[in-house]
Amino acid sequence: MEEMKLILIKPQEDIEVIAFYNEAVQLQHFAEARVITTNNDLRPANDDLSIIATIKKGMEAKRKDYLSPFQNHVKEVNEAYKTLMEPIEQADKITRNKILAFSAEQGRKRREAEAIEAEKMALARREAELKGGEITVDLTPVEKPEAVPDRIRGELGTSGQRDNWKWELVDINLIPMEYLMVNAGMLTPIVKASKGKIVIPGIRIFNEPIIAVNTR
């Protein structure tokens, strides 16, 4: 397969783009000088809007022509790396999870041993109170696993646990208002489709007309 080469081309050196730009500059001057005081002034303004829309489409098409090969290449590289990176990502995830699981289990065993020792000490105090100071409870420390070090140092580097606080939703009705955000992606199409007929508490729905241009 023939190797594709991506060539960097400057838009400002493209004759077609420059032509679009120069025409756009003229249209900007016309727009700034335009005065609309009667209905008769609307037709030339409308014609300019049609020309503007055509130039915008042309400029956007050129922009996509410039970027498309690079964007496609970036997409292909990213897709390829999803597969290429999978083994190392899995190795990383599996190793991390096993270290965390070991650390959690060692911590659980140590807490359990400490709880047993505390219960034995409490029982010894009760016995001492009952028997005038005599203690027969075995207070030998419970064997517990060695504490996992905060930092693991090796020849190739160091690693260790650190806090990583997260959250999950329990009851949305209990969340303070400052932590809530309006779902604009859902709200906007609903408002547009309702054409002002819908009423949503806490939302002001209003019409702000825009100019729609259809070119021939």
N, C-alpha and C. Protein backbone atom coordinates (compact mmCIF):
# COMPACT_ATOMS: atom_id res chain seq x y z
N MET A 1 0.85 -1.19 0.00
CA MET A 1 0.00 0.00 0.00
C MET A 1 0.88 1.24 0.00
N GLU A 2 0.54 2.18 -0.84
CA GLU A 2 1.33 3.40 -0.94
C GLU A 2 1.24 4.21 0.36
N GLU A 3 2.35 4.65 0.85
CA GLU A 3 2.38 5.42 2.08
C GLU A 3 1.83 6.82 1.85
N MET A 4 0.91 7.22 2.72
CA MET A 4 0.32 8.56 2.62
C MET A 4 1.14 9.54 3.42
N LYS A 5 1.43 10.68 2.82
CA LYS A 5 2.19 11.71 3.49
C LYS A 5 1.29 12.90 3.77
N LEU A 6 1.35 13.38 5.00
CA LEU A 6 0.58 14.55 5.38
C LEU A 6 1.45 15.78 5.17
N ILE A 7 0.96 16.67 4.33
CA ILE A 7 1.72 17.87 3.99
C ILE A 7 1.07 19.08 4.65
N LEU A 8 1.87 19.87 5.33
CA LEU A 8 1.36 21.07 5.97
C LEU A 8 1.23 22.20 4.95
N ILE A 9 0.01 22.69 4.79
CA ILE A 9 -0.26 23.79 3.86
C ILE A 9 -0.87 24.94 4.65
N LYS A 10 -0.37 26.14 4.44
CA LYS A 10 -0.89 27.30 5.15
C LYS A 10 -2.11 27.85 4.41
N PRO A 11 -3.26 27.95 5.10
CA PRO A 11 -4.47 28.47 4.45
C PRO A 11 -4.27 29.86 3.87
N GLN A 12 -3.46 30.68 4.53
CA GLN A 12 -3.25 32.06 4.07
C GLN A 12 -2.47 32.14 2.76
N GLU A 13 -1.99 30.99 2.30
CA GLU A 13 -1.29 30.95 1.02
C GLU A 13 -2.13 30.29 -0.08
N ASP A 14 -3.37 29.92 0.28
CA ASP A 14 -4.28 29.29 -0.67
C ASP A 14 -5.04 30.38 -1.43
N ILE A 15 -4.94 30.37 -2.75
CA ILE A 15 -5.56 31.41 -3.58
C ILE A 15 -7.07 31.47 -3.37
N GLU A 16 -7.71 30.30 -3.27
CA GLU A 16 -9.17 30.26 -3.10
C GLU A 16 -9.58 30.83 -1.75
N VAL A 17 -8.83 30.50 -0.73
CA VAL A 17 -9.12 31.01 0.61
C VAL A 17 -8.93 32.52 0.66
N ILE A 18 -7.86 33.01 0.05
CA ILE A 18 -7.61 34.45 0.03
C ILE A 18 -8.72 35.18 -0.72
N ALA A 19 -9.23 34.57 -1.80
CA ALA A 19 -10.34 35.18 -2.54
C ALA A 19 -11.57 35.30 -1.64
N PHE A 20 -11.85 34.22 -0.90
CA PHE A 20 -12.97 34.25 0.05
C PHE A 20 -12.76 35.38 1.07
N TYR A 21 -11.53 35.46 1.57
CA TYR A 21 -11.21 36.45 2.61
C TYR A 21 -11.40 37.88 2.10
N ASN A 22 -10.87 38.14 0.92
CA ASN A 22 -10.97 39.50 0.36
C ASN A 22 -12.43 39.90 0.14
N GLU A 23 -13.23 38.94 -0.33
CA GLU A 23 -14.65 39.24 -0.53
C GLU A 23 -15.33 39.46 0.82
N ALA A 24 -14.91 38.72 1.81
CA ALA A 24 -15.48 38.87 3.15
C ALA A 24 -15.16 40.24 3.74
N VAL A 25 -13.95 40.74 3.47
CA VAL A 25 -13.56 42.06 3.97
C VAL A 25 -14.48 43.13 3.37
N GLN A 26 -14.75 43.01 2.07
CA GLN A 26 -15.65 43.96 1.43
C GLN A 26 -17.05 43.89 2.02
N LEU A 27 -17.52 42.68 2.25
CA LEU A 27 -18.86 42.51 2.84
C LEU A 27 -18.91 43.08 4.25
N GLN A 28 -17.81 42.98 4.99
CA GLN A 28 -17.76 43.58 6.33
C GLN A 28 -17.89 45.09 6.24
N HIS A 29 -17.20 45.69 5.28
CA HIS A 29 -17.30 47.14 5.09
C HIS A 29 -18.73 47.54 4.73
N PHE A 30 -19.36 46.77 3.82
CA PHE A 30 -20.73 47.06 3.44
C PHE A 30 -21.65 46.96 4.65
N ALA A 31 -21.43 45.93 5.48
CA ALA A 31 -22.28 45.72 6.66
C ALA A 31 -22.14 46.88 7.65
N GLU A 32 -20.90 47.34 7.84
CA GLU A 32 -20.66 48.43 8.78
C GLU A 32 -21.27 49.74 8.28
N ALA A 33 -21.30 49.92 6.96
CA ALA A 33 -21.84 51.16 6.40
C ALA A 33 -23.35 51.09 6.16
N ARG A 34 -23.90 49.91 6.23
CA ARG A 34 -25.31 49.73 5.89
C ARG A 34 -26.22 50.45 6.88
N VAL A 35 -27.25 51.08 6.33
CA VAL A 35 -28.31 51.71 7.13
C VAL A 35 -29.64 51.14 6.65
N ILE A 36 -30.41 50.61 7.56
CA ILE A 36 -31.72 50.06 7.22
C ILE A 36 -32.79 50.92 7.85
N THR A 37 -33.49 51.66 7.01
CA THR A 37 -34.54 52.56 7.51
C THR A 37 -35.88 52.29 6.88
N THR A 38 -35.91 51.56 5.76
CA THR A 38 -37.17 51.25 5.09
C THR A 38 -37.16 49.79 4.65
N ASN A 39 -38.32 49.29 4.23
CA ASN A 39 -38.42 47.93 3.73
C ASN A 39 -37.55 47.72 2.49
N ASN A 40 -37.39 48.79 1.70
CA ASN A 40 -36.59 48.68 0.48
C ASN A 40 -35.12 48.39 0.79
N ASP A 41 -34.70 48.75 2.02
CA ASP A 41 -33.30 48.50 2.40
C ASP A 41 -33.07 47.03 2.76
N LEU A 42 -34.15 46.28 2.94
CA LEU A 42 -34.02 44.89 3.38
C LEU A 42 -33.52 43.97 2.27
N ARG A 43 -33.92 44.27 1.01
CA ARG A 43 -33.56 43.37 -0.08
C ARG A 43 -32.06 43.30 -0.32
N PRO A 44 -31.35 44.42 -0.43
CA PRO A 44 -29.89 44.31 -0.60
C PRO A 44 -29.21 43.69 0.62
N ALA A 45 -29.75 43.93 1.81
CA ALA A 45 -29.20 43.29 3.00
C ALA A 45 -29.39 41.78 2.92
N ASN A 46 -30.58 41.38 2.44
CA ASN A 46 -30.86 39.95 2.28
C ASN A 46 -29.91 39.33 1.26
N ASP A 47 -29.67 40.04 0.14
CA ASP A 47 -28.76 39.52 -0.87
C ASP A 47 -27.35 39.35 -0.31
N ASP A 48 -26.93 40.32 0.50
CA ASP A 48 -25.60 40.21 1.11
C ASP A 48 -25.53 39.01 2.07
N LEU A 49 -26.63 38.80 2.78
CA LEU A 49 -26.66 37.65 3.69
C LEU A 49 -26.52 36.34 2.93
N SER A 50 -27.11 36.28 1.76
CA SER A 50 -26.99 35.07 0.94
C SER A 50 -25.55 34.87 0.49
N ILE A 51 -24.91 35.98 0.07
CA ILE A 51 -23.49 35.89 -0.34
C ILE A 51 -22.63 35.48 0.85
N ILE A 52 -22.93 36.09 2.01
CA ILE A 52 -22.17 35.77 3.24
C ILE A 52 -22.30 34.30 3.58
N ALA A 53 -23.53 33.77 3.47
CA ALA A 53 -23.76 32.36 3.80
C ALA A 53 -22.97 31.45 2.85
N THR A 54 -22.93 31.83 1.57
CA THR A 54 -22.18 31.03 0.60
C THR A 54 -20.68 31.05 0.90
N ILE A 55 -20.17 32.22 1.25
CA ILE A 55 -18.74 32.33 1.58
C ILE A 55 -18.42 31.54 2.85
N LYS A 56 -19.29 31.63 3.85
CA LYS A 56 -19.07 30.88 5.09
C LYS A 56 -19.02 29.38 4.82
N LYS A 57 -19.93 28.90 3.96
CA LYS A 57 -19.92 27.47 3.61
C LYS A 57 -18.65 27.11 2.88
N GLY A 58 -18.22 28.00 1.97
CA GLY A 58 -16.99 27.74 1.23
C GLY A 58 -15.77 27.72 2.13
N MET A 59 -15.70 28.68 3.04
CA MET A 59 -14.57 28.74 3.97
C MET A 59 -14.56 27.52 4.90
N GLU A 60 -15.73 27.12 5.36
CA GLU A 60 -15.81 25.97 6.25
C GLU A 60 -15.41 24.70 5.51
N ALA A 61 -15.83 24.60 4.24
CA ALA A 61 -15.45 23.43 3.45
C ALA A 61 -13.94 23.36 3.27
N LYS A 62 -13.31 24.51 3.02
CA LYS A 62 -11.86 24.54 2.89
C LYS A 62 -11.17 24.16 4.19
N ARG A 63 -11.70 24.66 5.29
CA ARG A 63 -11.12 24.33 6.60
C ARG A 63 -11.15 22.82 6.84
N LYS A 64 -12.30 22.20 6.48
CA LYS A 64 -12.42 20.76 6.67
C LYS A 64 -11.48 20.01 5.73
N ASP A 65 -11.29 20.55 4.51
CA ASP A 65 -10.36 19.91 3.58
C ASP A 65 -8.95 19.90 4.15
N TYR A 66 -8.56 20.99 4.82
CA TYR A 66 -7.23 21.06 5.41
C TYR A 66 -7.08 20.10 6.59
N LEU A 67 -8.11 20.05 7.41
CA LEU A 67 -7.99 19.30 8.66
C LEU A 67 -8.33 17.82 8.54
N SER A 68 -9.18 17.47 7.59
CA SER A 68 -9.67 16.10 7.49
C SER A 68 -8.57 15.04 7.45
N PRO A 69 -7.55 15.19 6.60
CA PRO A 69 -6.50 14.15 6.58
C PRO A 69 -5.80 13.99 7.93
N PHE A 70 -5.55 15.10 8.60
CA PHE A 70 -4.88 15.04 9.91
C PHE A 70 -5.81 14.43 10.96
N GLN A 71 -7.08 14.84 10.93
CA GLN A 71 -8.03 14.30 11.89
C GLN A 71 -8.23 12.80 11.69
N ASN A 72 -8.29 12.39 10.43
CA ASN A 72 -8.43 10.96 10.14
C ASN A 72 -7.21 10.19 10.62
N HIS A 73 -6.04 10.79 10.41
CA HIS A 73 -4.80 10.13 10.85
C HIS A 73 -4.75 10.03 12.38
N VAL A 74 -5.14 11.11 13.04
CA VAL A 74 -5.18 11.10 14.51
C VAL A 74 -6.15 10.03 15.01
N LYS A 75 -7.31 9.93 14.35
CA LYS A 75 -8.30 8.93 14.74
C LYS A 75 -7.75 7.52 14.56
N GLU A 76 -7.07 7.29 13.43
CA GLU A 76 -6.50 5.97 13.17
C GLU A 76 -5.41 5.62 14.18
N VAL A 77 -4.59 6.61 14.53
CA VAL A 77 -3.53 6.37 15.51
C VAL A 77 -4.12 6.04 16.87
N ASN A 78 -5.13 6.82 17.26
CA ASN A 78 -5.77 6.57 18.56
C ASN A 78 -6.43 5.20 18.61
N GLU A 79 -7.09 4.80 17.51
CA GLU A 79 -7.72 3.49 17.47
C GLU A 79 -6.68 2.38 17.54
N ALA A 80 -5.58 2.56 16.82
CA ALA A 80 -4.52 1.55 16.84
C ALA A 80 -3.93 1.41 18.24
N TYR A 81 -3.75 2.54 18.90
CA TYR A 81 -3.12 2.50 20.22
C TYR A 81 -4.03 1.91 21.29
N LYS A 82 -5.34 1.92 21.05
CA LYS A 82 -6.23 1.24 21.99
C LYS A 82 -5.88 -0.24 22.07
N THR A 83 -5.57 -0.83 20.91
CA THR A 83 -5.17 -2.23 20.87
C THR A 83 -3.73 -2.42 21.35
N LEU A 84 -2.84 -1.55 20.89
CA LEU A 84 -1.43 -1.68 21.24
C LEU A 84 -1.18 -1.48 22.73
N MET A 85 -1.99 -0.61 23.34
CA MET A 85 -1.78 -0.30 24.76
C MET A 85 -2.52 -1.27 25.70
N GLU A 86 -3.41 -2.10 25.15
CA GLU A 86 -4.24 -2.96 26.00
C GLU A 86 -3.44 -3.87 26.93
N PRO A 87 -2.42 -4.59 26.45
CA PRO A 87 -1.67 -5.47 27.36
C PRO A 87 -1.01 -4.71 28.50
N ILE A 88 -0.38 -3.57 28.21
CA ILE A 88 0.33 -2.85 29.27
C ILE A 88 -0.65 -2.23 30.25
N GLU A 89 -1.81 -1.78 29.73
CA GLU A 89 -2.84 -1.23 30.62
C GLU A 89 -3.38 -2.31 31.55
N GLN A 90 -3.57 -3.52 31.01
CA GLN A 90 -4.06 -4.63 31.83
C GLN A 90 -3.02 -5.03 32.86
N ALA A 91 -1.75 -5.07 32.44
CA ALA A 91 -0.68 -5.41 33.39
C ALA A 91 -0.64 -4.41 34.53
N ASP A 92 -0.79 -3.14 34.20
CA ASP A 92 -0.79 -2.08 35.21
C ASP A 92 -1.98 -2.24 36.16
N LYS A 93 -3.17 -2.44 35.57
CA LYS A 93 -4.39 -2.56 36.37
C LYS A 93 -4.36 -3.77 37.29
N ILE A 94 -3.95 -4.92 36.73
CA ILE A 94 -3.93 -6.16 37.52
C ILE A 94 -2.95 -6.04 38.68
N THR A 95 -1.74 -5.51 38.40
CA THR A 95 -0.73 -5.39 39.45
C THR A 95 -1.18 -4.44 40.55
N ARG A 96 -1.74 -3.30 40.15
CA ARG A 96 -2.23 -2.33 41.14
C ARG A 96 -3.32 -2.95 42.01
N ASN A 97 -4.27 -3.64 41.37
CA ASN A 97 -5.38 -4.24 42.11
C ASN A 97 -4.90 -5.31 43.09
N LYS A 98 -3.89 -6.08 42.70
CA LYS A 98 -3.37 -7.11 43.60
C LYS A 98 -2.65 -6.50 44.80
N ILE A 99 -1.92 -5.40 44.56
CA ILE A 99 -1.26 -4.72 45.68
C ILE A 99 -2.30 -4.15 46.64
N LEU A 100 -3.34 -3.50 46.07
CA LEU A 100 -4.39 -2.92 46.90
C LEU A 100 -5.15 -3.98 47.67
N ALA A 101 -5.43 -5.13 47.01
CA ALA A 101 -6.15 -6.22 47.68
C ALA A 101 -5.33 -6.79 48.83
N PHE A 102 -4.02 -6.98 48.59
CA PHE A 102 -3.15 -7.48 49.65
C PHE A 102 -3.10 -6.50 50.82
N SER A 103 -2.95 -5.22 50.51
CA SER A 103 -2.88 -4.20 51.55
C SER A 103 -4.16 -4.15 52.35
N ALA A 104 -5.31 -4.24 51.65
CA ALA A 104 -6.60 -4.19 52.34
C ALA A 104 -6.78 -5.39 53.25
N GLU A 105 -6.38 -6.57 52.78
CA GLU A 105 -6.54 -7.78 53.58
C GLU A 105 -5.60 -7.76 54.80
N GLN A 106 -4.37 -7.29 54.61
CA GLN A 106 -3.46 -7.19 55.74
C GLN A 106 -4.00 -6.20 56.78
N GLY A 107 -4.56 -5.11 56.28
CA GLY A 107 -5.15 -4.13 57.20
C GLY A 107 -6.33 -4.71 57.95
N ARG A 108 -7.14 -5.48 57.24
CA ARG A 108 -8.30 -6.11 57.92
C ARG A 108 -7.85 -7.08 59.01
N LYS A 109 -6.83 -7.88 58.72
CA LYS A 109 -6.34 -8.84 59.71
C LYS A 109 -5.75 -8.12 60.93
N ARG A 110 -5.03 -7.04 60.70
CA ARG A 110 -4.45 -6.29 61.82
C ARG A 110 -5.55 -5.67 62.68
N ARG A 111 -6.58 -5.10 62.01
CA ARG A 111 -7.68 -4.50 62.79
C ARG A 111 -8.43 -5.56 63.59
N GLU A 112 -8.60 -6.73 63.00
CA GLU A 112 -9.28 -7.82 63.72
C GLU A 112 -8.46 -8.25 64.93
N ALA A 113 -7.15 -8.37 64.77
CA ALA A 113 -6.28 -8.77 65.90
C ALA A 113 -6.31 -7.71 66.99
N GLU A 114 -6.28 -6.44 66.58
CA GLU A 114 -6.33 -5.36 67.57
C GLU A 114 -7.67 -5.32 68.28
N ALA A 115 -8.75 -5.64 67.58
CA ALA A 115 -10.07 -5.69 68.22
C ALA A 115 -10.13 -6.81 69.25
N ILE A 116 -9.53 -7.97 68.91
CA ILE A 116 -9.51 -9.09 69.85
C ILE A 116 -8.71 -8.72 71.10
N GLU A 117 -7.57 -8.07 70.90
CA GLU A 117 -6.75 -7.64 72.04
C GLU A 117 -7.51 -6.67 72.92
N ALA A 118 -8.26 -5.73 72.29
CA ALA A 118 -9.04 -4.77 73.06
C ALA A 118 -10.13 -5.47 73.85
N GLU A 119 -10.77 -6.47 73.25
CA GLU A 119 -11.82 -7.22 73.95
C GLU A 119 -11.23 -8.01 75.13
N LYS A 120 -10.04 -8.58 74.91
CA LYS A 120 -9.38 -9.32 75.99
C LYS A 120 -9.02 -8.37 77.13
N MET A 121 -8.54 -7.18 76.82
CA MET A 121 -8.19 -6.20 77.84
C MET A 121 -9.42 -5.76 78.62
N ALA A 122 -10.53 -5.56 77.90
CA ALA A 122 -11.77 -5.16 78.57
C ALA A 122 -12.25 -6.27 79.50
N LEU A 123 -12.13 -7.51 79.03
CA LEU A 123 -12.54 -8.65 79.85
C LEU A 123 -11.64 -8.77 81.09
N ALA A 124 -10.35 -8.49 80.91
CA ALA A 124 -9.42 -8.56 82.04
C ALA A 124 -9.78 -7.51 83.10
N ARG A 125 -10.16 -6.31 82.66
CA ARG A 125 -10.54 -5.25 83.60
C ARG A 125 -11.79 -5.67 84.38
N ARG A 126 -12.75 -6.27 83.70
CA ARG A 126 -13.98 -6.72 84.38
C ARG A 126 -13.65 -7.80 85.41
N GLU A 127 -12.74 -8.73 85.01
CA GLU A 127 -12.35 -9.79 85.93
C GLU A 127 -11.63 -9.22 87.15
N ALA A 128 -10.77 -8.23 86.93
CA ALA A 128 -10.02 -7.62 88.03
C ALA A 128 -10.97 -6.94 89.00
N GLU A 129 -12.00 -6.29 88.46
CA GLU A 129 -12.98 -5.63 89.33
C GLU A 129 -13.77 -6.66 90.13
N LEU A 130 -14.05 -7.78 89.49
CA LEU A 130 -14.84 -8.82 90.16
C LEU A 130 -14.03 -9.57 91.22
N LYS A 131 -12.75 -9.82 90.92
CA LYS A 131 -11.95 -10.66 91.81
C LYS A 131 -10.90 -9.86 92.59
N GLY A 132 -11.11 -8.58 92.69
CA GLY A 132 -10.20 -7.78 93.49
C GLY A 132 -8.81 -7.66 92.91
N GLY A 133 -8.70 -7.58 91.66
CA GLY A 133 -7.40 -7.39 91.02
C GLY A 133 -6.83 -8.62 90.37
N GLU A 134 -7.43 -9.78 90.63
CA GLU A 134 -6.91 -11.01 90.04
C GLU A 134 -7.29 -11.08 88.55
N ILE A 135 -6.31 -11.42 87.71
CA ILE A 135 -6.56 -11.54 86.26
C ILE A 135 -6.08 -12.89 85.78
N THR A 136 -6.96 -13.64 85.17
CA THR A 136 -6.58 -14.94 84.60
C THR A 136 -6.70 -14.94 83.07
N VAL A 137 -7.23 -13.86 82.54
CA VAL A 137 -7.39 -13.77 81.09
C VAL A 137 -6.01 -13.72 80.42
N ASP A 138 -5.85 -14.49 79.35
CA ASP A 138 -4.59 -14.51 78.60
C ASP A 138 -4.46 -13.21 77.81
N LEU A 139 -3.51 -12.37 78.20
CA LEU A 139 -3.30 -11.08 77.52
C LEU A 139 -2.14 -11.12 76.53
N THR A 140 -1.77 -12.33 76.14
CA THR A 140 -0.70 -12.44 75.15
C THR A 140 -1.14 -11.77 73.85
N PRO A 141 -0.31 -10.89 73.30
CA PRO A 141 -0.69 -10.20 72.06
C PRO A 141 -1.06 -11.17 70.95
N VAL A 142 -2.11 -10.85 70.25
CA VAL A 142 -2.55 -11.70 69.14
C VAL A 142 -1.58 -11.51 67.96
N GLU A 143 -1.18 -12.64 67.38
CA GLU A 143 -0.28 -12.55 66.24
C GLU A 143 -0.98 -11.84 65.08
N LYS A 144 -0.32 -10.85 64.54
CA LYS A 144 -0.90 -10.08 63.45
C LYS A 144 0.12 -9.90 62.34
N PRO A 145 -0.35 -9.75 61.11
CA PRO A 145 0.59 -9.59 59.99
C PRO A 145 1.34 -8.27 60.08
N GLU A 146 2.48 -8.24 59.44
CA GLU A 146 3.29 -7.02 59.42
C GLU A 146 2.55 -5.92 58.66
N ALA A 147 2.65 -4.71 59.15
CA ALA A 147 1.99 -3.58 58.48
C ALA A 147 2.60 -3.35 57.11
N VAL A 148 1.73 -3.08 56.13
CA VAL A 148 2.21 -2.78 54.77
C VAL A 148 2.85 -1.39 54.77
N PRO A 149 4.06 -1.25 54.26
CA PRO A 149 4.71 0.07 54.27
C PRO A 149 3.97 1.08 53.39
N ASP A 150 4.03 2.36 53.79
CA ASP A 150 3.40 3.41 53.01
C ASP A 150 4.07 3.56 51.64
N ARG A 151 5.38 3.36 51.60
CA ARG A 151 6.13 3.47 50.35
C ARG A 151 6.92 2.20 50.12
N ILE A 152 6.87 1.70 48.89
CA ILE A 152 7.65 0.53 48.50
C ILE A 152 8.77 1.01 47.60
N ARG A 153 9.99 0.78 48.01
CA ARG A 153 11.14 1.26 47.26
C ARG A 153 11.87 0.07 46.62
N GLY A 154 12.10 0.17 45.34
CA GLY A 154 12.84 -0.87 44.63
C GLY A 154 13.95 -0.26 43.82
N GLU A 155 14.65 -1.09 43.07
CA GLU A 155 15.77 -0.61 42.27
C GLU A 155 15.30 0.26 41.11
N LEU A 156 14.05 0.04 40.65
CA LEU A 156 13.55 0.75 39.47
C LEU A 156 12.63 1.92 39.80
N GLY A 157 12.26 2.06 41.07
CA GLY A 157 11.36 3.15 41.41
C GLY A 157 10.66 2.90 42.73
N THR A 158 9.69 3.74 43.03
CA THR A 158 8.93 3.62 44.27
C THR A 158 7.44 3.67 43.95
N SER A 159 6.65 3.12 44.85
CA SER A 159 5.20 3.18 44.73
C SER A 159 4.59 3.20 46.11
N GLY A 160 3.35 3.58 46.20
CA GLY A 160 2.68 3.64 47.49
C GLY A 160 1.25 4.11 47.32
N GLN A 161 0.46 3.87 48.33
CA GLN A 161 -0.94 4.27 48.29
C GLN A 161 -1.09 5.75 48.63
N ARG A 162 -2.11 6.37 48.04
CA ARG A 162 -2.47 7.73 48.40
C ARG A 162 -3.98 7.84 48.34
N ASP A 163 -4.52 8.80 49.06
CA ASP A 163 -5.97 8.96 49.10
C ASP A 163 -6.53 9.34 47.73
N ASN A 164 -7.69 8.81 47.41
CA ASN A 164 -8.35 9.10 46.14
C ASN A 164 -9.86 9.16 46.41
N TRP A 165 -10.30 10.31 46.94
CA TRP A 165 -11.69 10.43 47.35
C TRP A 165 -12.62 10.51 46.15
N LYS A 166 -13.74 9.78 46.22
CA LYS A 166 -14.74 9.77 45.16
C LYS A 166 -16.12 10.00 45.76
N TRP A 167 -17.13 10.01 44.89
CA TRP A 167 -18.49 10.22 45.38
C TRP A 167 -19.46 9.40 44.54
N GLU A 168 -20.63 9.12 45.10
CA GLU A 168 -21.72 8.49 44.37
C GLU A 168 -23.04 9.08 44.87
N LEU A 169 -24.00 9.14 43.98
CA LEU A 169 -25.29 9.74 44.30
C LEU A 169 -26.10 8.82 45.20
N VAL A 170 -26.62 9.38 46.28
CA VAL A 170 -27.47 8.63 47.20
C VAL A 170 -28.91 9.13 47.12
N ASP A 171 -29.10 10.45 47.23
CA ASP A 171 -30.43 11.04 47.14
C ASP A 171 -30.29 12.44 46.56
N ILE A 172 -30.71 12.63 45.32
CA ILE A 172 -30.54 13.93 44.66
C ILE A 172 -31.32 15.03 45.35
N ASN A 173 -32.38 14.68 46.06
CA ASN A 173 -33.20 15.69 46.73
C ASN A 173 -32.50 16.31 47.94
N LEU A 174 -31.44 15.68 48.40
CA LEU A 174 -30.71 16.19 49.57
C LEU A 174 -29.49 17.02 49.18
N ILE A 175 -29.18 17.08 47.89
CA ILE A 175 -27.99 17.81 47.45
C ILE A 175 -28.25 19.31 47.50
N PRO A 176 -27.35 20.11 48.10
CA PRO A 176 -27.50 21.57 48.11
C PRO A 176 -27.53 22.12 46.68
N MET A 177 -28.27 23.20 46.48
CA MET A 177 -28.46 23.77 45.15
C MET A 177 -27.15 24.12 44.45
N GLU A 178 -26.14 24.58 45.21
CA GLU A 178 -24.90 25.01 44.58
C GLU A 178 -24.13 23.86 43.92
N TYR A 179 -24.51 22.61 44.23
CA TYR A 179 -23.84 21.48 43.62
C TYR A 179 -24.63 20.89 42.45
N LEU A 180 -25.75 21.49 42.11
CA LEU A 180 -26.58 20.99 41.02
C LEU A 180 -26.33 21.82 39.76
N MET A 181 -26.52 21.22 38.59
CA MET A 181 -26.31 21.89 37.33
C MET A 181 -27.47 21.55 36.38
N VAL A 182 -27.96 22.56 35.66
CA VAL A 182 -29.05 22.35 34.72
C VAL A 182 -28.56 21.50 33.55
N ASN A 183 -29.37 20.53 33.14
CA ASN A 183 -29.04 19.68 32.01
C ASN A 183 -29.43 20.40 30.72
N ALA A 184 -28.55 21.28 30.24
CA ALA A 184 -28.84 22.09 29.06
C ALA A 184 -29.04 21.23 27.82
N GLY A 185 -28.30 20.13 27.72
CA GLY A 185 -28.42 19.25 26.57
C GLY A 185 -29.81 18.66 26.42
N MET A 186 -30.50 18.45 27.52
CA MET A 186 -31.85 17.92 27.48
C MET A 186 -32.87 19.05 27.39
N LEU A 187 -32.61 20.16 28.11
CA LEU A 187 -33.56 21.25 28.20
C LEU A 187 -33.72 22.01 26.88
N THR A 188 -32.63 22.28 26.18
CA THR A 188 -32.67 23.09 24.95
C THR A 188 -33.59 22.50 23.88
N PRO A 189 -33.44 21.22 23.50
CA PRO A 189 -34.34 20.68 22.47
C PRO A 189 -35.80 20.65 22.90
N ILE A 190 -36.05 20.46 24.18
CA ILE A 190 -37.43 20.45 24.68
C ILE A 190 -38.05 21.83 24.52
N VAL A 191 -37.30 22.87 24.89
CA VAL A 191 -37.80 24.25 24.78
C VAL A 191 -38.04 24.61 23.32
N LYS A 192 -37.10 24.24 22.44
CA LYS A 192 -37.25 24.56 21.02
C LYS A 192 -38.48 23.87 20.43
N ALA A 193 -38.67 22.61 20.79
CA ALA A 193 -39.79 21.85 20.25
C ALA A 193 -41.13 22.37 20.76
N SER A 194 -41.16 22.92 21.98
CA SER A 194 -42.42 23.38 22.58
C SER A 194 -42.90 24.69 21.98
N LYS A 195 -41.97 25.44 21.33
CA LYS A 195 -42.30 26.75 20.74
C LYS A 195 -42.99 27.67 21.77
N GLY A 196 -42.49 27.65 22.99
CA GLY A 196 -42.99 28.55 24.02
C GLY A 196 -44.21 28.06 24.78
N LYS A 197 -44.69 26.86 24.47
CA LYS A 197 -45.91 26.36 25.12
C LYS A 197 -45.64 25.64 26.43
N ILE A 198 -44.41 25.22 26.64
CA ILE A 198 -44.10 24.48 27.86
C ILE A 198 -43.78 25.44 29.01
N VAL A 199 -44.11 25.04 30.22
CA VAL A 199 -43.80 25.81 31.42
C VAL A 199 -42.94 24.92 32.34
N ILE A 200 -41.76 25.41 32.67
CA ILE A 200 -40.86 24.67 33.56
C ILE A 200 -40.54 25.56 34.75
N PRO A 201 -40.93 25.15 35.96
CA PRO A 201 -40.65 25.97 37.15
C PRO A 201 -39.17 26.32 37.26
N GLY A 202 -38.89 27.60 37.51
CA GLY A 202 -37.52 28.05 37.68
C GLY A 202 -36.81 28.37 36.38
N ILE A 203 -37.50 28.21 35.24
CA ILE A 203 -36.90 28.47 33.94
C ILE A 203 -37.71 29.53 33.20
N ARG A 204 -37.04 30.59 32.70
CA ARG A 204 -37.72 31.59 31.87
C ARG A 204 -37.53 31.20 30.41
N ILE A 205 -38.64 30.96 29.74
CA ILE A 205 -38.59 30.57 28.34
C ILE A 205 -39.03 31.77 27.50
N PHE A 206 -38.19 32.19 26.56
CA PHE A 206 -38.49 33.38 25.77
C PHE A 206 -38.01 33.18 24.34
N ASN A 207 -38.56 33.99 23.44
CA ASN A 207 -38.22 33.91 22.02
C ASN A 207 -37.25 35.03 21.67
N GLU A 208 -36.12 34.68 21.10
CA GLU A 208 -35.12 35.65 20.67
C GLU A 208 -34.86 35.39 19.18
N PRO A 209 -35.63 36.05 18.28
CA PRO A 209 -35.56 35.75 16.85
C PRO A 209 -34.16 35.91 16.27
N ILE A 210 -33.87 35.07 15.29
CA ILE A 210 -32.62 35.16 14.54
C ILE A 210 -32.96 35.23 13.05
N ILE A 211 -32.00 35.57 12.23
CA ILE A 211 -32.21 35.64 10.80
C ILE A 211 -31.78 34.30 10.18
N ALA A 212 -32.73 33.64 9.49
CA ALA A 212 -32.43 32.40 8.78
C ALA A 212 -32.18 32.72 7.33
N VAL A 213 -31.11 32.21 6.75
CA VAL A 213 -30.75 32.50 5.36
C VAL A 213 -30.74 31.20 4.57
N ASN A 214 -31.46 31.20 3.45
CA ASN A 214 -31.47 30.07 2.53
C ASN A 214 -30.90 30.54 1.20
N THR A 215 -29.79 29.93 0.78
CA THR A 215 -29.17 30.35 -0.49
C THR A 215 -29.72 29.51 -1.63
N ARG A 216 -29.71 30.10 -2.83
CA ARG A 216 -30.20 29.39 -4.04
C ARG A 216 -29.03 28.79 -4.81
